[in-house]
Amino acid sequence: MDFYTLKSANSADYMTILREMEDGYVVKIVRDRDGYEDVVTDFLSKSLFESCIRTGYIKKIEMPCKMAANA
């Protein structure tokens, strides 16, 4: 499973690729909202994903901090 940190005010926000498809990815985005997790599953096209990597909006990480602390 690949994890990516999101460029935001909260460094605990992250994204996981759930499934790769021909034209993009199904992703799960987890955001910390004042102590609770806001989880969204969505589709991200390959071109948008590559653009986010290029611009630094998302960066690949080994494992989200919150998951590492719970492991």
N, C-alpha and C. Protein backbone atom coordinates (compact mmCIF):
# COMPACT_ATOMS: atom_id res chain seq x y z
N MET A 1 0.84 -1.17 0.00
CA MET A 1 0.00 0.00 0.00
C MET A 1 0.89 1.24 0.00
N ASP A 2 0.58 2.20 -0.83
CA ASP A 2 1.36 3.43 -0.90
C ASP A 2 0.67 4.53 -0.11
N PHE A 3 1.46 5.28 0.67
CA PHE A 3 0.95 6.38 1.47
C PHE A 3 1.58 7.67 0.99
N TYR A 4 0.80 8.75 1.03
CA TYR A 4 1.27 10.07 0.63
C TYR A 4 0.80 11.09 1.64
N THR A 5 1.68 12.01 2.01
CA THR A 5 1.30 13.11 2.88
C THR A 5 0.73 14.22 2.00
N LEU A 6 -0.23 14.95 2.53
CA LEU A 6 -0.85 16.05 1.80
C LEU A 6 -0.31 17.38 2.30
N LYS A 7 -0.07 18.29 1.38
CA LYS A 7 0.39 19.61 1.77
C LYS A 7 -0.82 20.37 2.33
N SER A 8 -0.82 20.56 3.65
CA SER A 8 -1.92 21.26 4.30
C SER A 8 -1.42 21.83 5.62
N ALA A 9 -2.29 22.57 6.30
CA ALA A 9 -1.92 23.14 7.60
C ALA A 9 -1.72 22.05 8.64
N ASN A 10 -2.36 20.90 8.46
CA ASN A 10 -2.24 19.80 9.41
C ASN A 10 -1.34 18.72 8.81
N SER A 11 -0.21 18.47 9.43
CA SER A 11 0.75 17.52 8.88
C SER A 11 0.30 16.06 9.05
N ALA A 12 -0.79 15.82 9.78
CA ALA A 12 -1.27 14.45 9.99
C ALA A 12 -2.17 13.97 8.85
N ASP A 13 -2.53 14.84 7.91
CA ASP A 13 -3.38 14.46 6.79
C ASP A 13 -2.59 13.59 5.82
N TYR A 14 -3.23 12.51 5.34
CA TYR A 14 -2.54 11.64 4.40
C TYR A 14 -3.52 10.98 3.44
N MET A 15 -2.97 10.37 2.40
CA MET A 15 -3.74 9.71 1.36
C MET A 15 -3.16 8.33 1.12
N THR A 16 -4.03 7.37 0.88
CA THR A 16 -3.62 6.00 0.58
C THR A 16 -4.21 5.62 -0.78
N ILE A 17 -3.39 5.00 -1.64
CA ILE A 17 -3.91 4.48 -2.90
C ILE A 17 -4.52 3.12 -2.61
N LEU A 18 -5.82 3.00 -2.87
CA LEU A 18 -6.52 1.74 -2.64
C LEU A 18 -6.48 0.83 -3.85
N ARG A 19 -6.58 1.45 -5.04
CA ARG A 19 -6.61 0.65 -6.26
C ARG A 19 -6.14 1.50 -7.44
N GLU A 20 -5.33 0.90 -8.29
CA GLU A 20 -4.90 1.56 -9.52
C GLU A 20 -5.78 1.07 -10.66
N MET A 21 -6.25 2.02 -11.46
CA MET A 21 -7.09 1.70 -12.61
C MET A 21 -6.37 2.22 -13.85
N GLU A 22 -6.92 1.94 -15.01
CA GLU A 22 -6.28 2.34 -16.26
C GLU A 22 -6.10 3.85 -16.37
N ASP A 23 -7.10 4.61 -15.91
CA ASP A 23 -7.05 6.06 -16.07
C ASP A 23 -6.82 6.83 -14.78
N GLY A 24 -6.57 6.12 -13.67
CA GLY A 24 -6.33 6.83 -12.42
C GLY A 24 -6.28 5.91 -11.21
N TYR A 25 -6.58 6.50 -10.06
CA TYR A 25 -6.45 5.79 -8.79
C TYR A 25 -7.70 6.01 -7.93
N VAL A 26 -8.08 4.98 -7.20
CA VAL A 26 -9.07 5.14 -6.15
C VAL A 26 -8.25 5.37 -4.88
N VAL A 27 -8.51 6.49 -4.21
CA VAL A 27 -7.72 6.88 -3.05
C VAL A 27 -8.60 7.09 -1.83
N LYS A 28 -8.00 6.88 -0.67
CA LYS A 28 -8.65 7.20 0.60
C LYS A 28 -7.87 8.35 1.21
N ILE A 29 -8.56 9.46 1.48
CA ILE A 29 -7.95 10.64 2.06
C ILE A 29 -8.41 10.75 3.51
N VAL A 30 -7.45 10.83 4.41
CA VAL A 30 -7.74 10.92 5.85
C VAL A 30 -7.23 12.27 6.34
N ARG A 31 -8.14 13.07 6.89
CA ARG A 31 -7.78 14.38 7.43
C ARG A 31 -8.15 14.43 8.91
N ASP A 32 -7.26 15.00 9.71
CA ASP A 32 -7.51 15.17 11.13
C ASP A 32 -8.29 16.47 11.33
N ARG A 33 -9.49 16.36 11.85
CA ARG A 33 -10.35 17.52 12.08
C ARG A 33 -10.61 17.66 13.58
N ASP A 34 -9.77 18.41 14.25
CA ASP A 34 -9.92 18.66 15.69
C ASP A 34 -10.13 17.39 16.50
N GLY A 35 -9.32 16.38 16.23
CA GLY A 35 -9.35 15.17 17.03
C GLY A 35 -10.13 14.01 16.45
N TYR A 36 -10.87 14.21 15.39
CA TYR A 36 -11.52 13.08 14.74
C TYR A 36 -11.09 13.01 13.28
N GLU A 37 -11.17 11.82 12.71
CA GLU A 37 -10.72 11.62 11.34
C GLU A 37 -11.87 11.79 10.36
N ASP A 38 -11.65 12.61 9.36
CA ASP A 38 -12.57 12.79 8.25
C ASP A 38 -12.02 11.94 7.11
N VAL A 39 -12.72 10.86 6.75
CA VAL A 39 -12.24 9.92 5.74
C VAL A 39 -13.10 10.03 4.49
N VAL A 40 -12.44 10.20 3.35
CA VAL A 40 -13.13 10.32 2.06
C VAL A 40 -12.48 9.36 1.07
N THR A 41 -13.29 8.61 0.34
CA THR A 41 -12.79 7.77 -0.75
C THR A 41 -13.18 8.45 -2.05
N ASP A 42 -12.20 8.60 -2.97
CA ASP A 42 -12.45 9.34 -4.19
C ASP A 42 -11.59 8.80 -5.33
N PHE A 43 -11.82 9.30 -6.53
CA PHE A 43 -11.04 8.95 -7.71
C PHE A 43 -10.12 10.10 -8.05
N LEU A 44 -8.88 9.79 -8.40
CA LEU A 44 -7.88 10.78 -8.79
C LEU A 44 -7.29 10.34 -10.12
N SER A 45 -7.41 11.17 -11.14
CA SER A 45 -6.88 10.81 -12.46
C SER A 45 -5.35 10.74 -12.40
N LYS A 46 -4.77 9.98 -13.31
CA LYS A 46 -3.31 9.84 -13.33
C LYS A 46 -2.63 11.18 -13.62
N SER A 47 -3.22 11.98 -14.50
CA SER A 47 -2.60 13.27 -14.83
C SER A 47 -2.63 14.21 -13.62
N LEU A 48 -3.73 14.21 -12.86
CA LEU A 48 -3.79 15.05 -11.67
C LEU A 48 -2.83 14.53 -10.59
N PHE A 49 -2.75 13.22 -10.42
CA PHE A 49 -1.84 12.63 -9.46
C PHE A 49 -0.40 13.03 -9.78
N GLU A 50 0.01 12.89 -11.04
CA GLU A 50 1.36 13.25 -11.45
C GLU A 50 1.64 14.73 -11.25
N SER A 51 0.63 15.56 -11.50
CA SER A 51 0.78 17.00 -11.29
C SER A 51 0.96 17.32 -9.81
N CYS A 52 0.23 16.63 -8.95
CA CYS A 52 0.36 16.83 -7.49
C CYS A 52 1.74 16.41 -7.00
N ILE A 53 2.28 15.33 -7.55
CA ILE A 53 3.64 14.89 -7.19
C ILE A 53 4.66 15.94 -7.64
N ARG A 54 4.54 16.39 -8.88
CA ARG A 54 5.47 17.38 -9.45
C ARG A 54 5.49 18.68 -8.67
N THR A 55 4.31 19.14 -8.23
CA THR A 55 4.22 20.43 -7.54
C THR A 55 4.47 20.33 -6.04
N GLY A 56 4.58 19.11 -5.53
CA GLY A 56 4.84 18.93 -4.11
C GLY A 56 3.60 18.94 -3.24
N TYR A 57 2.42 18.94 -3.85
CA TYR A 57 1.19 18.91 -3.06
C TYR A 57 1.05 17.58 -2.31
N ILE A 58 1.52 16.49 -2.93
CA ILE A 58 1.57 15.20 -2.24
C ILE A 58 3.00 14.67 -2.32
N LYS A 59 3.42 13.98 -1.26
CA LYS A 59 4.75 13.37 -1.22
C LYS A 59 4.63 11.98 -0.64
N LYS A 60 5.33 11.03 -1.24
CA LYS A 60 5.29 9.65 -0.78
C LYS A 60 5.99 9.53 0.58
N ILE A 61 5.37 8.76 1.47
CA ILE A 61 5.93 8.51 2.79
C ILE A 61 5.88 7.01 3.06
N GLU A 62 6.63 6.56 4.05
CA GLU A 62 6.65 5.14 4.41
C GLU A 62 5.34 4.72 5.06
N MET A 63 4.91 5.51 6.08
CA MET A 63 3.70 5.19 6.81
C MET A 63 3.22 6.46 7.51
N PRO A 64 1.92 6.70 7.57
CA PRO A 64 1.42 7.89 8.27
C PRO A 64 1.83 7.86 9.75
N CYS A 65 2.10 9.01 10.32
CA CYS A 65 2.53 9.11 11.71
C CYS A 65 1.53 8.49 12.67
N LYS A 66 0.26 8.74 12.47
CA LYS A 66 -0.77 8.24 13.36
C LYS A 66 -0.79 6.71 13.35
N MET A 67 -0.66 6.11 12.14
CA MET A 67 -0.66 4.67 12.04
C MET A 67 0.59 4.10 12.70
N ALA A 68 1.72 4.76 12.55
CA ALA A 68 2.96 4.27 13.14
C ALA A 68 2.88 4.29 14.67
N ALA A 69 2.22 5.30 15.22
CA ALA A 69 2.10 5.38 16.67
C ALA A 69 1.16 4.31 17.21
N ASN A 70 0.21 3.87 16.40
CA ASN A 70 -0.75 2.86 16.85
C ASN A 70 -0.26 1.44 16.60
N ALA A 71 0.80 1.29 15.84
CA ALA A 71 1.27 -0.06 15.46
C ALA A 71 1.91 -0.78 16.61
